[in-house]
Protein backbone atom coordinates (compact mmCIF):
# COMPACT_ATOMS: atom_id res chain seq x y z
CA UNK A 1 7.53 -21.70 -18.59
CA UNK A 2 8.22 -18.49 -16.78
CA UNK A 3 10.20 -18.63 -13.58
CA UNK A 4 7.75 -18.50 -10.59
CA UNK A 5 10.28 -16.50 -8.56
CA UNK A 6 10.44 -13.82 -11.25
CA UNK A 7 6.63 -13.76 -11.44
CA UNK A 8 6.38 -13.32 -7.69
CA UNK A 9 9.02 -10.59 -7.80
CA UNK A 10 7.06 -8.76 -10.51
CA UNK A 11 3.83 -9.09 -8.54
CA UNK A 12 5.53 -7.78 -5.42
CA UNK A 13 6.87 -4.78 -7.33
CA UNK A 14 3.42 -4.00 -8.76
CA UNK A 15 1.92 -4.26 -5.28
CA UNK A 16 4.55 -1.94 -3.85
CA UNK A 17 3.99 0.57 -6.66
CA UNK A 18 0.24 0.44 -5.98
CA UNK A 19 0.74 1.14 -2.27
CA UNK A 20 2.97 4.10 -3.00
CA UNK A 21 0.51 5.54 -5.53
CA UNK A 22 -2.27 5.23 -2.94
CA UNK A 23 -0.10 7.13 -0.45
CA UNK A 24 0.50 9.93 -2.95
CA UNK A 25 -3.20 10.18 -3.80
CA UNK A 26 -4.12 10.25 -0.09
CA UNK A 27 -1.68 13.12 0.57
CA UNK A 28 -3.01 14.94 -2.51
CA UNK A 29 -6.59 14.59 -1.21
CA UNK A 30 -5.63 15.91 2.24
CA UNK A 31 -3.74 18.75 0.58
CA UNK A 32 -6.85 19.66 -1.43
CA UNK A 33 -8.87 19.95 1.76
CA UNK A 34 -6.22 22.12 3.40
CA UNK A 35 -5.96 24.16 0.21
CA UNK A 36 -9.64 25.03 0.30
CA UNK A 37 -9.17 26.56 3.75
CA UNK A 38 -6.33 28.81 2.60
CA UNK A 39 -7.63 29.55 -0.91
CA UNK A 40 -9.29 32.84 0.03
CA UNK A 41 -6.30 34.50 1.78
CA UNK A 42 -4.00 33.31 -1.03
CA UNK A 43 -6.34 34.78 -3.63
CA UNK A 44 -6.57 38.09 -1.76
CA UNK A 45 -2.79 38.28 -1.51
CA UNK A 46 -2.26 37.53 -5.20
CA UNK A 47 -4.72 40.14 -6.46
CA UNK A 48 -3.77 42.84 -3.94
CA UNK A 49 -1.03 44.29 -6.16
CA UNK A 50 -3.31 44.45 -9.18
CA UNK A 51 -6.10 46.00 -7.15
CA UNK A 52 -3.68 48.76 -6.18
CA UNK A 53 -3.21 49.44 -9.91
CA UNK A 54 -6.99 49.92 -10.21
CA UNK A 55 -7.23 46.79 -12.31
CA UNK A 56 -10.70 45.26 -11.95
CA UNK A 57 -11.15 41.54 -12.48
CA UNK A 58 -14.28 40.04 -13.97
CA UNK A 59 -15.87 36.62 -14.18
CA UNK A 60 -17.49 35.33 -17.35
CA UNK A 61 -19.08 32.23 -15.91
CA UNK A 62 -21.01 31.35 -12.76
CA UNK A 63 -18.38 28.74 -12.02
CA UNK A 64 -15.32 30.99 -12.39
CA UNK A 65 -15.12 31.89 -8.69
CA UNK A 66 -15.55 28.31 -7.48
CA UNK A 67 -13.23 27.01 -10.16
CA UNK A 68 -10.56 29.51 -9.16
CA UNK A 69 -10.72 28.42 -5.52
CA UNK A 70 -10.41 24.80 -6.65
CA UNK A 71 -7.36 25.63 -8.77
CA UNK A 72 -5.67 27.40 -5.86
CA UNK A 73 -6.47 24.44 -3.62
CA UNK A 74 -4.98 22.08 -6.21
CA UNK A 75 -1.78 24.12 -6.40
CA UNK A 76 -1.46 24.00 -2.61
CA UNK A 77 -2.10 20.24 -2.69
CA UNK A 78 0.55 19.71 -5.38
CA UNK A 79 3.10 21.71 -3.39
CA UNK A 80 2.41 19.63 -0.29
CA UNK A 81 2.45 16.39 -2.29
CA UNK A 82 5.69 17.13 -4.14
CA UNK A 83 8.15 16.01 -1.43
CA UNK A 84 5.99 12.97 -0.65
CA UNK A 85 5.92 12.01 -4.33
CA UNK A 86 9.67 12.37 -4.66
CA UNK A 87 10.21 10.27 -1.54
CA UNK A 88 7.87 7.53 -2.76
CA UNK A 89 9.62 7.40 -6.14
CA UNK A 90 12.93 7.30 -4.34
CA UNK A 91 11.79 4.52 -2.00
CA UNK A 92 10.64 2.48 -5.00
CA UNK A 93 13.94 2.69 -6.92
CA UNK A 94 16.37 2.81 -3.97
CA UNK A 95 16.72 -0.98 -3.47
CA UNK A 96 18.82 -1.02 -6.63
CA UNK A 97 21.44 1.25 -5.05
CA UNK A 98 24.22 0.61 -2.59
CA UNK A 99 23.64 1.58 1.04
CA UNK A 100 25.98 4.57 0.91
CA UNK A 101 24.50 5.81 -2.35
CA UNK A 102 21.01 5.35 -0.95
CA UNK A 103 21.75 7.44 2.14
CA UNK A 104 23.39 10.15 0.05
CA UNK A 105 20.52 10.40 -2.44
CA UNK A 106 17.90 10.45 0.33
CA UNK A 107 19.24 13.84 1.42
CA UNK A 108 17.99 15.36 -1.83
CA UNK A 109 14.30 14.87 -1.00
CA UNK A 110 13.82 17.98 1.22
CA UNK A 111 15.70 20.13 -1.29
CA UNK A 112 13.20 19.27 -4.03
CA UNK A 113 10.54 21.25 -2.20
CA UNK A 114 12.95 24.03 -1.28
CA UNK A 115 14.19 24.54 -4.85
CA UNK A 116 10.66 24.45 -6.25
CA UNK A 117 9.54 27.06 -3.71
CA UNK A 118 12.57 29.20 -4.57
CA UNK A 119 11.65 28.92 -8.24
CA UNK A 120 8.06 29.97 -7.51
CA UNK A 121 9.26 33.03 -5.61
CA UNK A 122 11.70 34.03 -8.36
CA UNK A 123 9.08 33.57 -11.08
CA UNK A 124 6.33 35.40 -9.17
CA UNK A 125 8.36 38.36 -7.94
CA UNK A 126 10.73 38.78 -10.92
CA UNK A 127 9.49 37.18 -14.13
CA UNK A 128 5.73 37.58 -13.76
CA UNK A 129 5.78 41.35 -12.98
CA UNK A 130 7.95 41.96 -16.04
CA UNK A 131 5.60 39.99 -18.28
CA UNK A 132 2.53 41.68 -16.79
CA UNK A 133 3.99 45.17 -17.15
CA UNK A 134 4.97 44.52 -20.74
CA UNK A 135 1.55 43.19 -21.76
CA UNK A 136 -0.21 46.04 -19.94
CA UNK A 137 1.93 48.64 -21.72
CA UNK A 138 1.16 47.08 -25.09
CA UNK A 139 -2.57 47.12 -24.26
CA UNK A 140 -2.48 50.79 -23.26
CA UNK A 141 -0.42 51.80 -26.29
CA UNK A 142 -3.11 50.22 -28.44
CA UNK A 143 -5.70 52.41 -26.73
CA UNK A 144 -7.47 49.45 -25.15
CA UNK A 145 -8.98 49.41 -21.66
CA UNK A 146 -7.67 46.81 -19.27
CA UNK A 147 -10.47 44.56 -18.12
CA UNK A 148 -9.45 40.99 -17.48
CA UNK A 149 -11.18 37.80 -16.48
CA UNK A 150 -9.88 36.55 -13.16
CA UNK A 151 -9.46 33.04 -14.55
CA UNK A 152 -7.42 34.35 -17.51
CA UNK A 153 -5.25 36.34 -15.11
CA UNK A 154 -4.37 33.32 -13.00
CA UNK A 155 -3.89 31.14 -16.07
CA UNK A 156 -1.40 33.70 -17.40
CA UNK A 157 0.36 33.69 -14.02
CA UNK A 158 0.55 29.92 -13.72
CA UNK A 159 1.84 29.53 -17.29
CA UNK A 160 4.85 31.63 -16.27
CA UNK A 161 5.42 30.68 -12.63
CA UNK A 162 5.32 26.89 -12.77
CA UNK A 163 7.60 26.29 -15.77
CA UNK A 164 10.24 28.51 -14.16
CA UNK A 165 9.77 26.75 -10.81
CA UNK A 166 10.21 23.38 -12.51
CA UNK A 167 13.52 24.56 -14.01
CA UNK A 168 14.78 25.29 -10.50
CA UNK A 169 14.67 21.55 -9.86
CA UNK A 170 17.50 21.08 -12.36
CA UNK A 171 20.37 20.91 -9.81
CA UNK A 172 18.53 18.35 -7.66
CA UNK A 173 17.58 16.27 -10.69
CA UNK A 174 21.16 16.30 -11.98
CA UNK A 175 22.53 15.25 -8.58
CA UNK A 176 19.99 12.44 -8.34
CA UNK A 177 20.78 11.16 -11.85
CA UNK A 178 24.48 11.36 -11.05
CA UNK A 179 23.88 9.29 -7.93
CA UNK A 180 22.15 6.71 -10.11
CA UNK A 181 25.21 6.86 -12.42
CA UNK A 182 23.04 7.94 -15.36
CA UNK A 183 24.84 11.29 -15.72
CA UNK A 184 28.27 12.59 -14.83
CA UNK A 185 30.02 15.99 -15.04
CA UNK A 186 31.88 15.00 -18.20
CA UNK A 187 28.61 14.44 -20.08
CA UNK A 188 27.15 17.67 -18.69
CA UNK A 189 30.16 19.67 -19.87
CA UNK A 190 29.87 18.07 -23.30
CA UNK A 191 26.19 19.12 -23.44
CA UNK A 192 26.87 22.64 -22.15
CA UNK A 193 26.39 24.46 -25.47
CA UNK A 194 23.15 22.65 -26.22
CA UNK A 195 21.91 23.21 -22.66
CA UNK A 196 22.72 26.91 -22.86
CA UNK A 197 20.83 27.19 -26.14
CA UNK A 198 17.77 25.45 -24.68
CA UNK A 199 17.77 27.53 -21.49
CA UNK A 200 18.16 30.83 -23.37
CA UNK A 201 15.32 29.78 -25.69
CA UNK A 202 13.13 29.05 -22.65
CA UNK A 203 14.02 32.44 -21.15
CA UNK A 204 13.04 34.19 -24.38
CA UNK A 205 9.74 32.29 -24.61
CA UNK A 206 8.54 32.97 -21.05
CA UNK A 207 9.56 36.64 -20.89
CA UNK A 208 8.49 39.77 -22.76
CA UNK A 209 10.31 40.32 -26.06
CA UNK A 210 12.90 42.77 -24.78
CA UNK A 211 16.60 42.19 -24.22
CA UNK A 212 16.71 43.20 -20.53
CA UNK A 213 13.95 40.79 -19.48
CA UNK A 214 15.54 37.95 -21.44
CA UNK A 215 18.91 38.54 -19.76
CA UNK A 216 17.39 38.83 -16.25
CA UNK A 217 15.82 35.39 -16.63
CA UNK A 218 18.46 33.67 -18.75
CA UNK A 219 21.35 34.40 -16.37
CA UNK A 220 19.79 32.61 -13.36
CA UNK A 221 18.91 29.64 -15.58
CA UNK A 222 22.47 29.39 -16.87
CA UNK A 223 23.71 29.72 -13.29
CA UNK A 224 21.46 26.79 -12.32
CA UNK A 225 23.04 24.65 -15.03
CA UNK A 226 26.57 25.51 -13.93
CA UNK A 227 25.58 24.79 -10.34
CA UNK A 228 24.25 21.44 -11.55
CA UNK A 229 27.61 20.65 -13.17
CA UNK A 230 29.48 21.52 -9.97
CA UNK A 231 27.15 19.45 -7.77
CA UNK A 232 27.33 16.55 -10.20
CA UNK A 233 31.12 16.71 -9.92
CA UNK A 234 30.91 16.56 -6.12
CA UNK A 235 28.69 13.48 -6.24
CA UNK A 236 30.80 11.83 -8.95
CA UNK A 237 34.05 12.28 -7.01
CA UNK A 238 32.48 10.74 -3.92
CA UNK A 239 31.38 7.78 -6.01
CA UNK A 240 34.89 7.34 -7.37
CA UNK A 241 36.33 7.35 -3.85
CA UNK A 242 33.77 4.77 -2.73
CA UNK A 243 34.52 2.60 -5.75
CA UNK A 244 38.27 2.81 -5.07
CA UNK A 245 37.80 1.95 -1.39
CA UNK A 246 35.55 -1.00 -2.30
CA UNK A 247 38.09 -2.26 -4.81
CA UNK A 248 40.87 -2.12 -2.20
CA UNK A 249 38.77 -4.14 0.23
CA UNK A 250 38.09 -6.80 -2.41
CA UNK A 251 41.80 -7.05 -3.15
């Protein structure tokens, strides 16, 4: 027969996971409501630059306008939910860590939102304009008139902005995994060549096919990896000092 204590422990863990998922969903729902209130000014800000270029957007469905507002509201909700989600995941796995490791890792939670926001800004103000300019130049060189669906425009934008923003979470993720003792700077240095290859490939995929654009995006991504290695080293050295101090106390 199964051990009743283990069964109860499993049931308790499932119940805790359920409560945390409900909390995340509740914050997401509230974020959706708030997002609907700010959807219009966000939309006006995002299309202002293209309006100045005399680029006219079109809709091809009666639901395009409403759907666009809902998508903007969902993005706002996800941004607001991100730190809550990270905290809930952290709170679920933290009992398996030591007190000092738990307090150290908890500090990463606010930086998840900050790094994601920094990635959004970099992608929107650096990568996206380059991609948009390149595609527009190709269209004009082909003798085609620029007339875009507003949904297609924002889909193109999101396909560039959010993958880059996600990559900006790399240093925080590496520090967190180092805290959990899953990664360490030695492993990261061993994987450096592979990581560089992957990041350069990503930079080439999400940017126009010209050398300057690839370099402008690849360099920050490589810098993020090197920053991750440095931060992992900081966390790893602290862990080694804690382990040494704990061993001395036991002796």
